[in-house]
C-alpha atoms as a PDB file:
ATOM      1  CA  UNK A   1      41.513 188.629 184.688  1.00  0.00           C
ATOM      2  CA  UNK A   2      38.751 187.224 182.578  1.00  0.00           C
ATOM      3  CA  UNK A   3      37.681 183.620 183.487  1.00  0.00           C
ATOM      4  CA  UNK A   4      39.667 180.767 181.750  1.00  0.00           C
ATOM      5  CA  UNK A   5      37.691 178.755 179.206  1.00  0.00           C
ATOM      6  CA  UNK A   6      37.357 175.843 181.509  1.00  0.00           C
ATOM      7  CA  UNK A   7      35.901 178.153 184.347  1.00  0.00           C
ATOM      8  CA  UNK A   8      33.634 179.571 181.819  1.00  0.00           C
ATOM      9  CA  UNK A   9      32.330 176.122 180.596  1.00  0.00           C
ATOM     10  CA  UNK A  10      31.892 175.162 184.258  1.00  0.00           C
ATOM     11  CA  UNK A  11      29.845 178.313 184.896  1.00  0.00           C
ATOM     12  CA  UNK A  12      27.682 177.453 181.828  1.00  0.00           C
ATOM     13  CA  UNK A  13      27.121 173.784 183.029  1.00  0.00           C
ATOM     14  CA  UNK A  14      26.124 175.063 186.251  1.00  0.00           C
ATOM     15  CA  UNK A  15      23.554 177.644 184.614  1.00  0.00           C
ATOM     16  CA  UNK A  16      22.169 174.754 182.609  1.00  0.00           C
ATOM     17  CA  UNK A  17      21.753 172.665 185.751  1.00  0.00           C
ATOM     18  CA  UNK A  18      19.726 175.241 187.454  1.00  0.00           C
ATOM     19  CA  UNK A  19      17.445 175.911 184.300  1.00  0.00           C
ATOM     20  CA  UNK A  20      17.151 172.098 183.286  1.00  0.00           C
ATOM     21  CA  UNK A  21      14.901 169.634 185.418  1.00  0.00           C
ATOM     22  CA  UNK A  22      16.592 166.632 186.840  1.00  0.00           C
ATOM     23  CA  UNK A  23      17.056 163.913 184.637  1.00  0.00           C
ATOM     24  CA  UNK A  24      15.652 160.340 185.422  1.00  0.00           C
ATOM     25  CA  UNK A  25      16.771 157.046 184.166  1.00  0.00           C
ATOM     26  CA  UNK A  26      14.107 154.237 184.059  1.00  0.00           C
ATOM     27  CA  UNK A  27      14.605 150.962 183.355  1.00  0.00           C
ATOM     28  CA  UNK A  28      11.761 148.831 182.006  1.00  0.00           C
ATOM     29  CA  UNK A  29      11.177 145.117 181.767  1.00  0.00           C
ATOM     30  CA  UNK A  30       8.019 143.243 180.311  1.00  0.00           C
ATOM     31  CA  UNK A  31       5.805 142.460 183.288  1.00  0.00           C
ATOM     32  CA  UNK A  32       2.715 140.895 181.427  1.00  0.00           C
ATOM     33  CA  UNK A  33       1.499 140.279 177.913  1.00  0.00           C
ATOM     34  CA  UNK A  34      -2.268 140.299 176.944  1.00  0.00           C
ATOM     35  CA  UNK A  35      -2.721 136.972 175.160  1.00  0.00           C
ATOM     36  CA  UNK A  36      -4.604 136.737 171.870  1.00  0.00           C
ATOM     37  CA  UNK A  37      -7.449 134.271 171.533  1.00  0.00           C
ATOM     38  CA  UNK A  38      -7.533 134.562 167.654  1.00  0.00           C
ATOM     39  CA  UNK A  39      -7.304 131.608 165.501  1.00  0.00           C
ATOM     40  CA  UNK A  40      -4.238 131.241 163.259  1.00  0.00           C
ATOM     41  CA  UNK A  41      -4.227 133.516 160.371  1.00  0.00           C
ATOM     42  CA  UNK A  42      -7.211 135.628 161.954  1.00  0.00           C
ATOM     43  CA  UNK A  43      -6.533 139.262 163.162  1.00  0.00           C
ATOM     44  CA  UNK A  44      -7.225 140.262 166.773  1.00  0.00           C
ATOM     45  CA  UNK A  45      -5.984 143.846 166.493  1.00  0.00           C
ATOM     46  CA  UNK A  46      -6.520 145.849 169.987  1.00  0.00           C
ATOM     47  CA  UNK A  47      -7.436 149.339 169.439  1.00  0.00           C
ATOM     48  CA  UNK A  48      -7.930 150.639 172.947  1.00  0.00           C
ATOM     49  CA  UNK A  49      -6.894 149.758 176.408  1.00  0.00           C
ATOM     50  CA  UNK A  50      -7.977 151.212 179.758  1.00  0.00           C
ATOM     51  CA  UNK A  51      -7.758 150.476 183.563  1.00  0.00           C
ATOM     52  CA  UNK A  52     -10.715 150.539 185.799  1.00  0.00           C
ATOM     53  CA  UNK A  53     -10.979 153.133 188.527  1.00  0.00           C
ATOM     54  CA  UNK A  54      -9.782 150.630 191.058  1.00  0.00           C
ATOM     55  CA  UNK A  55      -6.730 149.505 189.054  1.00  0.00           C
ATOM     56  CA  UNK A  56      -7.885 145.793 189.616  1.00  0.00           C
ATOM     57  CA  UNK A  57      -9.093 145.351 185.967  1.00  0.00           C
ATOM     58  CA  UNK A  58      -7.751 146.023 182.270  1.00  0.00           C
ATOM     59  CA  UNK A  59     -10.259 146.431 179.596  1.00  0.00           C
ATOM     60  CA  UNK A  60      -9.317 145.784 175.900  1.00  0.00           C
ATOM     61  CA  UNK A  61     -11.364 146.368 172.654  1.00  0.00           C
ATOM     62  CA  UNK A  62     -10.665 145.925 168.988  1.00  0.00           C
ATOM     63  CA  UNK A  63     -11.769 144.453 165.802  1.00  0.00           C
ATOM     64  CA  UNK A  64     -12.742 141.165 167.507  1.00  0.00           C
ATOM     65  CA  UNK A  65     -15.933 142.641 168.570  1.00  0.00           C
ATOM     66  CA  UNK A  66     -15.222 141.758 172.167  1.00  0.00           C
ATOM     67  CA  UNK A  67     -14.621 143.706 175.602  1.00  0.00           C
ATOM     68  CA  UNK A  68     -12.123 141.710 177.339  1.00  0.00           C
ATOM     69  CA  UNK A  69     -11.509 142.261 181.030  1.00  0.00           C
ATOM     70  CA  UNK A  70      -8.331 141.053 182.630  1.00  0.00           C
ATOM     71  CA  UNK A  71      -7.498 140.621 186.252  1.00  0.00           C
ATOM     72  CA  UNK A  72      -4.248 142.635 186.503  1.00  0.00           C
ATOM     73  CA  UNK A  73      -2.928 140.918 189.758  1.00  0.00           C
ATOM     74  CA  UNK A  74      -3.121 137.493 187.789  1.00  0.00           C
ATOM     75  CA  UNK A  75      -1.463 139.115 184.740  1.00  0.00           C
ATOM     76  CA  UNK A  76       1.654 140.337 186.849  1.00  0.00           C
ATOM     77  CA  UNK A  77       2.215 137.000 188.431  1.00  0.00           C
ATOM     78  CA  UNK A  78       5.603 135.827 187.331  1.00  0.00           C
ATOM     79  CA  UNK A  79       5.884 132.396 185.885  1.00  0.00           C
ATOM     80  CA  UNK A  80       6.526 129.592 188.303  1.00  0.00           C
ATOM     81  CA  UNK A  81       9.832 128.675 186.403  1.00  0.00           C
ATOM     82  CA  UNK A  82      11.256 132.042 187.646  1.00  0.00           C
ATOM     83  CA  UNK A  83      12.522 132.949 184.127  1.00  0.00           C
ATOM     84  CA  UNK A  84      11.666 136.621 184.847  1.00  0.00           C
ATOM     85  CA  UNK A  85       8.952 136.585 182.252  1.00  0.00           C
ATOM     86  CA  UNK A  86       5.262 136.809 182.761  1.00  0.00           C
ATOM     87  CA  UNK A  87       2.536 134.243 182.731  1.00  0.00           C
ATOM     88  CA  UNK A  88      -0.266 135.138 180.022  1.00  0.00           C
ATOM     89  CA  UNK A  89      -3.512 135.243 181.963  1.00  0.00           C
ATOM     90  CA  UNK A  90      -6.736 134.824 180.119  1.00  0.00           C
ATOM     91  CA  UNK A  91      -9.670 137.322 180.318  1.00  0.00           C
ATOM     92  CA  UNK A  92     -11.519 137.386 183.728  1.00  0.00           C
ATOM     93  CA  UNK A  93     -14.607 138.402 181.808  1.00  0.00           C
ATOM     94  CA  UNK A  94     -15.681 138.967 178.137  1.00  0.00           C
ATOM     95  CA  UNK A  95     -18.509 140.793 176.592  1.00  0.00           C
ATOM     96  CA  UNK A  96     -19.463 140.356 173.046  1.00  0.00           C
ATOM     97  CA  UNK A  97     -20.649 143.547 171.168  1.00  0.00           C
ATOM     98  CA  UNK A  98     -22.143 144.050 167.733  1.00  0.00           C
ATOM     99  CA  UNK A  99     -19.388 146.107 165.884  1.00  0.00           C
ATOM    100  CA  UNK A 100     -15.641 146.607 165.989  1.00  0.00           C
ATOM    101  CA  UNK A 101     -14.408 148.813 168.670  1.00  0.00           C
ATOM    102  CA  UNK A 102     -12.247 151.758 168.375  1.00  0.00           C
ATOM    103  CA  UNK A 103     -12.347 153.228 172.138  1.00  0.00           C
ATOM    104  CA  UNK A 104     -12.863 151.565 175.450  1.00  0.00           C
ATOM    105  CA  UNK A 105     -13.165 153.631 178.690  1.00  0.00           C
ATOM    106  CA  UNK A 106     -14.163 152.688 182.236  1.00  0.00           C
ATOM    107  CA  UNK A 107     -16.816 155.315 183.704  1.00  0.00           C
ATOM    108  CA  UNK A 108     -14.765 157.099 186.646  1.00  0.00           C
ATOM    109  CA  UNK A 109     -16.288 157.816 190.013  1.00  0.00           C
ATOM    110  CA  UNK A 110     -16.944 155.747 192.945  1.00  0.00           C
ATOM    111  CA  UNK A 111     -16.853 151.857 193.373  1.00  0.00           C
ATOM    112  CA  UNK A 112     -20.077 151.298 191.241  1.00  0.00           C
ATOM    113  CA  UNK A 113     -18.290 153.144 188.597  1.00  0.00           C
ATOM    114  CA  UNK A 114     -15.811 150.144 188.265  1.00  0.00           C
ATOM    115  CA  UNK A 115     -18.490 147.905 186.793  1.00  0.00           C
ATOM    116  CA  UNK A 116     -19.483 150.241 183.989  1.00  0.00           C
ATOM    117  CA  UNK A 117     -17.395 150.452 180.830  1.00  0.00           C
ATOM    118  CA  UNK A 118     -18.157 152.501 177.983  1.00  0.00           C
ATOM    119  CA  UNK A 119     -17.265 151.829 174.229  1.00  0.00           C
ATOM    120  CA  UNK A 120     -17.282 153.734 170.861  1.00  0.00           C
ATOM    121  CA  UNK A 121     -17.570 151.568 167.845  1.00  0.00           C
ATOM    122  CA  UNK A 122     -17.387 151.415 163.997  1.00  0.00           C
ATOM    123  CA  UNK A 123     -20.967 151.787 163.279  1.00  0.00           C
ATOM    124  CA  UNK A 124     -20.952 155.201 165.190  1.00  0.00           C
ATOM    125  CA  UNK A 125     -22.585 154.027 168.399  1.00  0.00           C
ATOM    126  CA  UNK A 126     -21.408 154.872 171.999  1.00  0.00           C
ATOM    127  CA  UNK A 127     -22.773 152.152 174.582  1.00  0.00           C
ATOM    128  CA  UNK A 128     -22.058 151.536 178.130  1.00  0.00           C
ATOM    129  CA  UNK A 129     -22.009 148.022 179.486  1.00  0.00           C
ATOM    130  CA  UNK A 130     -22.753 146.517 183.019  1.00  0.00           C
ATOM    131  CA  UNK A 131     -19.900 144.529 183.336  1.00  0.00           C
ATOM    132  CA  UNK A 132     -21.526 142.245 186.271  1.00  0.00           C
ATOM    133  CA  UNK A 133     -24.358 141.372 184.045  1.00  0.00           C
ATOM    134  CA  UNK A 134     -22.410 141.427 180.694  1.00  0.00           C
ATOM    135  CA  UNK A 135     -25.288 143.622 179.134  1.00  0.00           C
ATOM    136  CA  UNK A 136     -25.727 147.062 177.513  1.00  0.00           C
ATOM    137  CA  UNK A 137     -27.279 149.497 179.953  1.00  0.00           C
ATOM    138  CA  UNK A 138     -27.788 152.335 177.280  1.00  0.00           C
ATOM    139  CA  UNK A 139     -26.703 153.460 174.139  1.00  0.00           C
ATOM    140  CA  UNK A 140     -26.397 156.819 172.007  1.00  0.00           C
ATOM    141  CA  UNK A 141     -26.555 157.046 168.267  1.00  0.00           C
ATOM    142  CA  UNK A 142     -26.103 160.449 167.040  1.00  0.00           C
ATOM    143  CA  UNK A 143     -23.064 160.308 164.849  1.00  0.00           C
ATOM    144  CA  UNK A 144     -25.047 159.238 161.791  1.00  0.00           C
ATOM    145  CA  UNK A 145     -23.633 155.825 161.690  1.00  0.00           C
ATOM    146  CA  UNK A 146     -19.989 157.224 161.249  1.00  0.00           C
ATOM    147  CA  UNK A 147     -17.242 155.681 163.103  1.00  0.00           C
ATOM    148  CA  UNK A 148     -16.602 156.720 166.793  1.00  0.00           C
ATOM    149  CA  UNK A 149     -12.875 157.157 167.109  1.00  0.00           C
ATOM    150  CA  UNK A 150     -12.705 158.268 170.816  1.00  0.00           C
ATOM    151  CA  UNK A 151     -14.606 158.400 174.228  1.00  0.00           C
ATOM    152  CA  UNK A 152     -13.711 160.064 177.379  1.00  0.00           C
ATOM    153  CA  UNK A 153     -15.187 160.721 180.711  1.00  0.00           C
ATOM    154  CA  UNK A 154     -14.859 163.958 182.604  1.00  0.00           C
ATOM    155  CA  UNK A 155     -13.617 163.348 186.428  1.00  0.00           C
ATOM    156  CA  UNK A 156     -16.440 162.126 188.398  1.00  0.00           C
ATOM    157  CA  UNK A 157     -18.227 161.108 185.132  1.00  0.00           C
ATOM    158  CA  UNK A 158     -20.277 164.256 185.266  1.00  0.00           C
ATOM    159  CA  UNK A 159     -19.841 164.527 181.382  1.00  0.00           C
ATOM    160  CA  UNK A 160     -18.834 162.127 178.599  1.00  0.00           C
ATOM    161  CA  UNK A 161     -17.676 163.064 175.080  1.00  0.00           C
ATOM    162  CA  UNK A 162     -17.208 161.182 171.905  1.00  0.00           C
ATOM    163  CA  UNK A 163     -15.305 162.032 168.566  1.00  0.00           C
ATOM    164  CA  UNK A 164     -16.471 160.785 165.197  1.00  0.00           C
ATOM    165  CA  UNK A 165     -15.718 160.495 161.550  1.00  0.00           C
ATOM    166  CA  UNK A 166     -18.876 162.922 161.247  1.00  0.00           C
ATOM    167  CA  UNK A 167     -16.536 165.922 162.092  1.00  0.00           C
ATOM    168  CA  UNK A 168     -18.202 166.394 165.338  1.00  0.00           C
ATOM    169  CA  UNK A 169     -17.511 166.011 169.114  1.00  0.00           C
ATOM    170  CA  UNK A 170     -20.513 165.409 171.344  1.00  0.00           C
ATOM    171  CA  UNK A 171     -20.779 166.276 174.798  1.00  0.00           C
ATOM    172  CA  UNK A 172     -23.555 164.765 177.238  1.00  0.00           C
ATOM    173  CA  UNK A 173     -24.510 163.832 180.800  1.00  0.00           C
ATOM    174  CA  UNK A 174     -24.038 160.200 181.130  1.00  0.00           C
ATOM    175  CA  UNK A 175     -26.261 160.335 184.123  1.00  0.00           C
ATOM    176  CA  UNK A 176     -29.321 161.235 181.912  1.00  0.00           C
ATOM    177  CA  UNK A 177     -28.173 159.690 178.580  1.00  0.00           C
ATOM    178  CA  UNK A 178     -31.451 160.446 176.796  1.00  0.00           C
ATOM    179  CA  UNK A 179     -31.119 164.155 177.532  1.00  0.00           C
ATOM    180  CA  UNK A 180     -29.819 166.703 175.041  1.00  0.00           C
ATOM    181  CA  UNK A 181     -26.313 167.080 173.937  1.00  0.00           C
ATOM    182  CA  UNK A 182     -23.990 169.763 172.951  1.00  0.00           C
ATOM    183  CA  UNK A 183     -21.788 169.537 169.725  1.00  0.00           C
ATOM    184  CA  UNK A 184     -18.342 170.840 168.614  1.00  0.00           C
ATOM    185  CA  UNK A 185     -17.760 170.773 164.720  1.00  0.00           C
ATOM    186  CA  UNK A 186     -14.287 170.435 163.330  1.00  0.00           C
ATOM    187  CA  UNK A 187     -12.850 170.686 159.569  1.00  0.00           C
ATOM    188  CA  UNK A 188     -12.340 166.903 159.638  1.00  0.00           C
ATOM    189  CA  UNK A 189     -13.036 163.603 161.333  1.00  0.00           C
ATOM    190  CA  UNK A 190     -12.618 163.966 165.084  1.00  0.00           C
ATOM    191  CA  UNK A 191      -9.971 161.415 166.101  1.00  0.00           C
ATOM    192  CA  UNK A 192      -9.501 161.955 169.778  1.00  0.00           C
ATOM    193  CA  UNK A 193     -11.235 163.861 172.711  1.00  0.00           C
ATOM    194  CA  UNK A 194      -9.835 164.402 176.242  1.00  0.00           C
ATOM    195  CA  UNK A 195     -11.440 166.238 179.234  1.00  0.00           C
ATOM    196  CA  UNK A 196      -9.053 168.312 181.623  1.00  0.00           C
ATOM    197  CA  UNK A 197      -8.353 165.735 184.338  1.00  0.00           C
ATOM    198  CA  UNK A 198      -8.013 168.683 186.907  1.00  0.00           C
ATOM    199  CA  UNK A 199     -11.871 169.074 186.541  1.00  0.00           C
ATOM    200  CA  UNK A 200     -11.877 172.346 184.861  1.00  0.00           C
ATOM    201  CA  UNK A 201     -14.715 172.603 182.207  1.00  0.00           C
ATOM    202  CA  UNK A 202     -12.371 172.195 179.226  1.00  0.00           C
ATOM    203  CA  UNK A 203     -12.503 169.560 176.296  1.00  0.00           C
ATOM    204  CA  UNK A 204      -9.455 169.014 174.136  1.00  0.00           C
ATOM    205  CA  UNK A 205     -10.043 167.776 170.526  1.00  0.00           C
ATOM    206  CA  UNK A 206      -7.789 166.634 167.824  1.00  0.00           C
ATOM    207  CA  UNK A 207      -8.897 166.019 164.285  1.00  0.00           C
ATOM    208  CA  UNK A 208      -7.991 165.011 160.645  1.00  0.00           C
ATOM    209  CA  UNK A 209      -7.722 168.868 159.742  1.00  0.00           C
ATOM    210  CA  UNK A 210      -4.384 168.803 161.492  1.00  0.00           C
ATOM    211  CA  UNK A 211      -5.569 170.969 164.387  1.00  0.00           C
ATOM    212  CA  UNK A 212      -5.844 170.426 168.129  1.00  0.00           C
ATOM    213  CA  UNK A 213      -8.206 172.772 169.850  1.00  0.00           C
ATOM    214  CA  UNK A 214      -9.622 173.185 173.343  1.00  0.00           C
ATOM    215  CA  UNK A 215     -13.395 174.113 174.036  1.00  0.00           C
ATOM    216  CA  UNK A 216     -15.169 175.440 177.216  1.00  0.00           C
ATOM    217  CA  UNK A 217     -17.796 172.677 177.464  1.00  0.00           C
ATOM    218  CA  UNK A 218     -20.266 175.433 179.023  1.00  0.00           C
ATOM    219  CA  UNK A 219     -20.221 177.137 175.490  1.00  0.00           C
ATOM    220  CA  UNK A 220     -19.273 174.850 172.893  1.00  0.00           C
ATOM    221  CA  UNK A 221     -21.122 176.771 170.187  1.00  0.00           C
ATOM    222  CA  UNK A 222     -18.848 179.778 170.692  1.00  0.00           C
ATOM    223  CA  UNK A 223     -15.943 177.984 169.216  1.00  0.00           C
ATOM    224  CA  UNK A 224     -12.452 177.120 170.570  1.00  0.00           C
ATOM    225  CA  UNK A 225     -10.966 178.977 173.493  1.00  0.00           C
ATOM    226  CA  UNK A 226      -7.445 177.693 172.435  1.00  0.00           C
ATOM    227  CA  UNK A 227      -5.903 176.544 169.137  1.00  0.00           C
ATOM    228  CA  UNK A 228      -2.749 174.763 168.231  1.00  0.00           C
ATOM    229  CA  UNK A 229      -2.152 174.817 164.619  1.00  0.00           C
ATOM    230  CA  UNK A 230       0.984 173.759 162.623  1.00  0.00           C
ATOM    231  CA  UNK A 231       0.839 170.043 162.499  1.00  0.00           C
ATOM    232  CA  UNK A 232       1.581 168.642 159.298  1.00  0.00           C
ATOM    233  CA  UNK A 233      -0.473 165.580 159.719  1.00  0.00           C
ATOM    234  CA  UNK A 234      -3.805 164.536 161.340  1.00  0.00           C
ATOM    235  CA  UNK A 235      -3.795 164.877 165.175  1.00  0.00           C
ATOM    236  CA  UNK A 236      -4.679 161.481 166.402  1.00  0.00           C
ATOM    237  CA  UNK A 237      -4.020 161.774 170.073  1.00  0.00           C
ATOM    238  CA  UNK A 238      -4.547 164.589 172.788  1.00  0.00           C
ATOM    239  CA  UNK A 239      -3.683 164.277 176.514  1.00  0.00           C
END
């Protein structure tokens, strides 16, 4: 006899269970809040956040023209009243910068890298700051004054990349920032760049031309090695 409908449904469910990954349910609670120091009525929009390589510091950047660094352990302390909320901790350090910031990234690598933070700004400049001294250690200005939307470091900081309103993504060696650079061109503003976290020589780029593409950084001039079309709007984030 053919299986009953209930038996068939059970077999179908079992098959789906074999093909589908296990489901997880997550419960989230607010652990900490980054406080604003803006005056009443003023905007202090945060455009970028990033944890340092050790996980001890959180850096933020935005239109306030400041890189603020927060001690993560202090931010995660529960308030003394035991209400389950979190105590708002002020920044452990702050660096004033000359322009509004759209991207903030810590340089990866060894322990020394945890004291170097890079940023891209609205004036088209990419700058690295020495956190301990609070001063710029070097800068690049090859984006013709057009806003830098995104900055990323390859694993180990062997390479860095920036994407800009000038429709280009630049790749260079942060260990020799005055050296030559390679350039990938897009059909619109380059809004996001991301290196392959596995260490492979690939760079993903998203742009206002509604495309996400992947380049081999060893041969940027040869064009994309992979292309993802079909988006109806600008691609503002790649990962």
